[in-house]
C-alpha atoms as a PDB file:
ATOM      1  CA  MET A   1     125.637-101.215-200.443  1.00  0.00           C
ATOM      2  CA  ARG A   2     128.356-103.475-199.002  1.00  0.00           C
ATOM      3  CA  HIS A   3     129.999-100.455-197.380  1.00  0.00           C
ATOM      4  CA  LEU A   4     126.741 -99.438-195.736  1.00  0.00           C
ATOM      5  CA  LYS A   5     126.288-102.912-194.207  1.00  0.00           C
ATOM      6  CA  PHE A   6     129.896-102.892-192.995  1.00  0.00           C
ATOM      7  CA  ILE A   7     129.564 -99.438-191.402  1.00  0.00           C
ATOM      8  CA  THR A   8     126.289-100.437-189.706  1.00  0.00           C
ATOM      9  CA  ALA A   9     127.791-103.643-188.310  1.00  0.00           C
ATOM     10  CA  LEU A  10     130.898-101.799-187.144  1.00  0.00           C
ATOM     11  CA  SER A  11     128.859 -99.117-185.363  1.00  0.00           C
ATOM     12  CA  ILE A  12     126.833-101.792-183.543  1.00  0.00           C
ATOM     13  CA  LEU A  13     129.976-103.607-182.404  1.00  0.00           C
ATOM     14  CA  VAL A  14     131.637-100.398-181.233  1.00  0.00           C
ATOM     15  CA  SER A  15     128.610 -99.143-179.297  1.00  0.00           C
ATOM     16  CA  ALA A  16     127.731-102.465-177.611  1.00  0.00           C
ATOM     17  CA  PRO A  17     130.538-102.434-174.975  1.00  0.00           C
ATOM     18  CA  ALA A  18     129.575 -98.889-173.934  1.00  0.00           C
ATOM     19  CA  ILE A  19     125.978 -99.952-173.364  1.00  0.00           C
ATOM     20  CA  THR A  20     126.862-103.003-171.276  1.00  0.00           C
ATOM     21  CA  ALA A  21     129.457-101.058-169.271  1.00  0.00           C
ATOM     22  CA  GLN A  22     126.819 -98.544-168.123  1.00  0.00           C
ATOM     23  CA  THR A  23     124.099-101.020-167.216  1.00  0.00           C
ATOM     24  CA  PRO A  24     125.674-102.673-164.107  1.00  0.00           C
ATOM     25  CA  ALA A  25     126.585 -99.332-162.499  1.00  0.00           C
ATOM     26  CA  ASP A  26     123.071 -98.024-163.106  1.00  0.00           C
ATOM     27  CA  THR A  27     121.627-101.219-161.666  1.00  0.00           C
ATOM     28  CA  LEU A  28     123.847-100.959-158.572  1.00  0.00           C
ATOM     29  CA  SER A  29     122.643 -97.373-158.125  1.00  0.00           C
ATOM     30  CA  ILE A  30     119.016 -98.522-158.312  1.00  0.00           C
ATOM     31  CA  VAL A  31     119.719-101.265-155.749  1.00  0.00           C
ATOM     32  CA  LYS A  32     121.227 -98.689-153.365  1.00  0.00           C
ATOM     33  CA  ASP A  33     118.240 -96.346-153.809  1.00  0.00           C
ATOM     34  CA  ILE A  34     115.796 -99.131-152.964  1.00  0.00           C
ATOM     35  CA  GLU A  35     117.819-100.222-149.919  1.00  0.00           C
ATOM     36  CA  GLN A  36     117.904 -96.659-148.585  1.00  0.00           C
ATOM     37  CA  SER A  37     114.130 -96.297-148.879  1.00  0.00           C
ATOM     38  CA  GLU A  38     112.303 -96.456-145.598  1.00  0.00           C
ATOM     39  CA  ASN A  39     110.382 -99.661-144.836  1.00  0.00           C
ATOM     40  CA  ILE A  40     111.605-101.523-147.924  1.00  0.00           C
ATOM     41  CA  THR A  41     113.806-104.588-147.652  1.00  0.00           C
ATOM     42  CA  LEU A  42     115.597-105.736-150.773  1.00  0.00           C
ATOM     43  CA  ILE A  43     116.546-109.426-150.824  1.00  0.00           C
ATOM     44  CA  LEU A  44     119.457-110.089-153.161  1.00  0.00           C
ATOM     45  CA  PRO A  45     121.079-113.435-153.943  1.00  0.00           C
ATOM     46  CA  ALA A  46     124.589-113.842-152.537  1.00  0.00           C
ATOM     47  CA  GLY A  47     127.250-112.211-154.707  1.00  0.00           C
ATOM     48  CA  ILE A  48     124.858-110.253-156.922  1.00  0.00           C
ATOM     49  CA  THR A  49     126.444-106.916-155.974  1.00  0.00           C
ATOM     50  CA  ASP A  50     129.787-108.237-157.249  1.00  0.00           C
ATOM     51  CA  CYS A  51     128.175-108.977-160.605  1.00  0.00           C
ATOM     52  CA  LEU A  52     126.667-105.478-160.748  1.00  0.00           C
ATOM     53  CA  ALA A  53     129.982-103.698-160.064  1.00  0.00           C
ATOM     54  CA  PRO A  54     131.410-101.972-163.136  1.00  0.00           C
ATOM     55  CA  LYS A  55     134.318-103.660-164.877  1.00  0.00           C
ATOM     56  CA  GLY A  56     136.123-100.323-165.437  1.00  0.00           C
ATOM     57  CA  ASN A  57     139.359 -99.028-163.965  1.00  0.00           C
ATOM     58  CA  SER A  58     140.808-100.362-160.720  1.00  0.00           C
ATOM     59  CA  HIS A  59     139.921 -97.173-158.791  1.00  0.00           C
ATOM     60  CA  SER A  60     136.196 -97.559-159.440  1.00  0.00           C
ATOM     61  CA  ARG A  61     136.395-101.282-158.637  1.00  0.00           C
ATOM     62  CA  THR A  62     137.966-100.459-155.258  1.00  0.00           C
ATOM     63  CA  GLU A  63     135.267 -97.911-154.433  1.00  0.00           C
ATOM     64  CA  ASN A  64     132.507-100.329-155.439  1.00  0.00           C
ATOM     65  CA  ALA A  65     134.128-103.160-153.502  1.00  0.00           C
ATOM     66  CA  ASP A  66     134.061-100.946-150.387  1.00  0.00           C
ATOM     67  CA  GLU A  67     130.416-100.064-151.015  1.00  0.00           C
ATOM     68  CA  THR A  68     129.573-103.714-151.669  1.00  0.00           C
ATOM     69  CA  SER A  69     131.279-104.846-148.471  1.00  0.00           C
ATOM     70  CA  ALA A  70     129.426-102.104-146.568  1.00  0.00           C
ATOM     71  CA  LEU A  71     126.126-103.360-147.998  1.00  0.00           C
ATOM     72  CA  SER A  72     127.047-106.946-147.080  1.00  0.00           C
ATOM     73  CA  ALA A  73     128.064-105.887-143.554  1.00  0.00           C
ATOM     74  CA  THR A  74     124.745-104.085-143.100  1.00  0.00           C
ATOM     75  CA  ALA A  75     122.840-107.168-144.247  1.00  0.00           C
ATOM     76  CA  ALA A  76     124.904-109.431-141.961  1.00  0.00           C
ATOM     77  CA  SER A  77     124.402-107.202-138.925  1.00  0.00           C
ATOM     78  CA  SER A  78     120.656-106.970-139.524  1.00  0.00           C
ATOM     79  CA  ARG A  79     120.482-110.763-139.878  1.00  0.00           C
ATOM     80  CA  ALA A  80     122.404-111.204-136.600  1.00  0.00           C
ATOM     81  CA  ASN A  81     119.817-109.058-134.773  1.00  0.00           C
ATOM     82  CA  THR A  82     116.904-111.220-135.912  1.00  0.00           C
ATOM     83  CA  ARG A  83     115.472-114.606-135.049  1.00  0.00           C
ATOM     84  CA  VAL A  84     113.110-117.028-136.722  1.00  0.00           C
ATOM     85  CA  GLY A  85     109.448-116.331-136.083  1.00  0.00           C
ATOM     86  CA  TYR A  86     106.244-115.539-137.950  1.00  0.00           C
ATOM     87  CA  ARG A  87     104.696-112.662-139.866  1.00  0.00           C
ATOM     88  CA  VAL A  88     101.363-112.177-141.570  1.00  0.00           C
ATOM     89  CA  GLN A  89     101.779-111.619-145.293  1.00  0.00           C
ATOM     90  CA  VAL A  90      99.030-109.318-146.495  1.00  0.00           C
ATOM     91  CA  PHE A  91     100.158-108.521-150.038  1.00  0.00           C
ATOM     92  CA  ASP A  92     102.265-109.972-152.831  1.00  0.00           C
ATOM     93  CA  ASP A  93     102.217-108.970-156.458  1.00  0.00           C
ATOM     94  CA  ASN A  94     104.576-108.839-159.425  1.00  0.00           C
ATOM     95  CA  ASN A  95     102.738-106.352-161.628  1.00  0.00           C
ATOM     96  CA  VAL A  96     105.495-104.066-162.911  1.00  0.00           C
ATOM     97  CA  MET A  97     103.203-101.080-163.280  1.00  0.00           C
ATOM     98  CA  SER A  98     101.354-101.100-159.969  1.00  0.00           C
ATOM     99  CA  ALA A  99     102.845-103.489-157.401  1.00  0.00           C
ATOM    100  CA  LYS A 100     105.154-100.999-155.653  1.00  0.00           C
ATOM    101  CA  HIS A 101     102.404 -98.396-155.311  1.00  0.00           C
ATOM    102  CA  ASP A 102      99.880-100.997-154.150  1.00  0.00           C
ATOM    103  CA  ALA A 103     102.343-102.332-151.552  1.00  0.00           C
ATOM    104  CA  GLN A 104     102.966 -98.842-150.149  1.00  0.00           C
ATOM    105  CA  SER A 105      99.236 -98.143-150.089  1.00  0.00           C
ATOM    106  CA  ARG A 106      98.460-101.372-148.256  1.00  0.00           C
ATOM    107  CA  ARG A 107     101.268-100.636-145.748  1.00  0.00           C
ATOM    108  CA  GLN A 108      99.771 -97.206-145.017  1.00  0.00           C
ATOM    109  CA  GLN A 109      96.293 -98.696-144.497  1.00  0.00           C
ATOM    110  CA  LEU A 110      97.635-101.292-142.070  1.00  0.00           C
ATOM    111  CA  GLU A 111      99.759 -98.800-140.123  1.00  0.00           C
ATOM    112  CA  ALA A 112      96.758 -96.497-139.716  1.00  0.00           C
ATOM    113  CA  ARG A 113      94.471 -99.282-138.462  1.00  0.00           C
ATOM    114  CA  PHE A 114      97.029-101.343-136.499  1.00  0.00           C
ATOM    115  CA  PRO A 115      99.770 -99.019-135.173  1.00  0.00           C
ATOM    116  CA  GLU A 116     100.850-101.710-132.703  1.00  0.00           C
ATOM    117  CA  PHE A 117     102.128-103.949-135.546  1.00  0.00           C
ATOM    118  CA  ARG A 118     105.288-103.148-137.472  1.00  0.00           C
ATOM    119  CA  THR A 119     104.826-103.403-141.219  1.00  0.00           C
ATOM    120  CA  TYR A 120     107.481-104.368-143.737  1.00  0.00           C
ATOM    121  CA  VAL A 121     107.569-103.814-147.484  1.00  0.00           C
ATOM    122  CA  GLN A 122     109.917-106.219-149.235  1.00  0.00           C
ATOM    123  CA  PHE A 123     111.033-106.441-152.832  1.00  0.00           C
ATOM    124  CA  ASN A 124     112.252-109.893-153.811  1.00  0.00           C
ATOM    125  CA  SER A 125     112.365-109.703-157.574  1.00  0.00           C
ATOM    126  CA  PRO A 126     109.866-109.748-159.173  1.00  0.00           C
ATOM    127  CA  TYR A 127     107.510-109.671-156.163  1.00  0.00           C
ATOM    128  CA  TRP A 128     106.579-106.804-153.867  1.00  0.00           C
ATOM    129  CA  LYS A 129     105.355-108.099-150.497  1.00  0.00           C
ATOM    130  CA  VAL A 130     103.878-106.515-147.394  1.00  0.00           C
ATOM    131  CA  LYS A 131     104.259-108.373-144.110  1.00  0.00           C
ATOM    132  CA  VAL A 132     102.996-107.451-140.676  1.00  0.00           C
ATOM    133  CA  GLY A 133     104.342-108.103-137.204  1.00  0.00           C
ATOM    134  CA  ASP A 134     107.147-109.866-135.398  1.00  0.00           C
ATOM    135  CA  PHE A 135     105.439-112.860-133.817  1.00  0.00           C
ATOM    136  CA  ARG A 136     107.331-115.502-131.880  1.00  0.00           C
ATOM    137  CA  THR A 137     104.577-118.117-132.071  1.00  0.00           C
ATOM    138  CA  ARG A 138     102.220-119.266-134.777  1.00  0.00           C
ATOM    139  CA  SER A 139      99.203-118.676-132.509  1.00  0.00           C
ATOM    140  CA  GLU A 140     100.123-114.983-132.092  1.00  0.00           C
ATOM    141  CA  ALA A 141     100.373-114.649-135.871  1.00  0.00           C
ATOM    142  CA  ASP A 142      97.042-116.446-136.374  1.00  0.00           C
ATOM    143  CA  ALA A 143      95.334-114.050-133.935  1.00  0.00           C
ATOM    144  CA  ALA A 144      96.779-111.037-135.763  1.00  0.00           C
ATOM    145  CA  MET A 145      95.694-112.484-139.107  1.00  0.00           C
ATOM    146  CA  ALA A 146      92.137-112.889-137.789  1.00  0.00           C
ATOM    147  CA  ALA A 147      92.109-109.257-136.622  1.00  0.00           C
ATOM    148  CA  ILE A 148      93.395-108.058-140.005  1.00  0.00           C
ATOM    149  CA  ARG A 149      90.840-110.223-141.834  1.00  0.00           C
ATOM    150  CA  SER A 150      87.973-108.743-139.825  1.00  0.00           C
ATOM    151  CA  ALA A 151      89.230-105.161-140.342  1.00  0.00           C
ATOM    152  CA  PHE A 152      90.002-105.602-144.056  1.00  0.00           C
ATOM    153  CA  PRO A 153      87.818-108.335-145.609  1.00  0.00           C
ATOM    154  CA  SER A 154      89.107-107.424-149.084  1.00  0.00           C
ATOM    155  CA  PHE A 155      92.623-108.562-148.051  1.00  0.00           C
ATOM    156  CA  ALA A 156      91.425-112.079-147.139  1.00  0.00           C
ATOM    157  CA  SER A 157      92.518-113.763-150.377  1.00  0.00           C
ATOM    158  CA  GLN A 158      96.172-112.772-149.846  1.00  0.00           C
ATOM    159  CA  LEU A 159      96.431-113.241-146.071  1.00  0.00           C
ATOM    160  CA  ARG A 160      98.729-116.004-144.882  1.00  0.00           C
ATOM    161  CA  VAL A 161     101.070-116.669-141.982  1.00  0.00           C
ATOM    162  CA  VAL A 162     104.682-117.093-143.107  1.00  0.00           C
ATOM    163  CA  ARG A 163     107.878-118.067-141.325  1.00  0.00           C
ATOM    164  CA  ASP A 164     110.356-115.230-141.481  1.00  0.00           C
ATOM    165  CA  ARG A 165     113.263-113.651-139.673  1.00  0.00           C
ATOM    166  CA  ILE A 166     111.743-111.291-137.118  1.00  0.00           C
ATOM    167  CA  ASN A 167     113.092-108.432-135.052  1.00  0.00           C
ATOM    168  CA  PRO A 168     113.204-109.103-131.310  1.00  0.00           C
END
């Protein structure tokens, strides 16, 4: 019986590093897939991609460092092309099972009814959000929110004007 406990404990200790070594690379892959999706913005805390990089050999660390710096450069260039303004937030939810689908559905409804407004789906863990427009003034955003409220009364409980970085 003692041997069985020892073998079980040893197998757990041996397999644990393999499990943790695979998780960050898989997570980094998921992050890249989300970032490459159209109309989805992924907001990551500073340095999180460094934490997700595998701790394996130096070759893989170099490749991931290049990919990480490319992701950071893309984020920095997109931030440089924006300014502070307003958007109308029409959806936010953290339901693991349905939030992504609901966000995409709401985006499609808004794009069909209001093609003049750009819509943005954002994932800021754990929330999926849908925001509309690039408004320079609060009054422009309020007018858009009123139009959305009259077109979609069922969205009224989640409608709000938020300060955000907008595209010029």
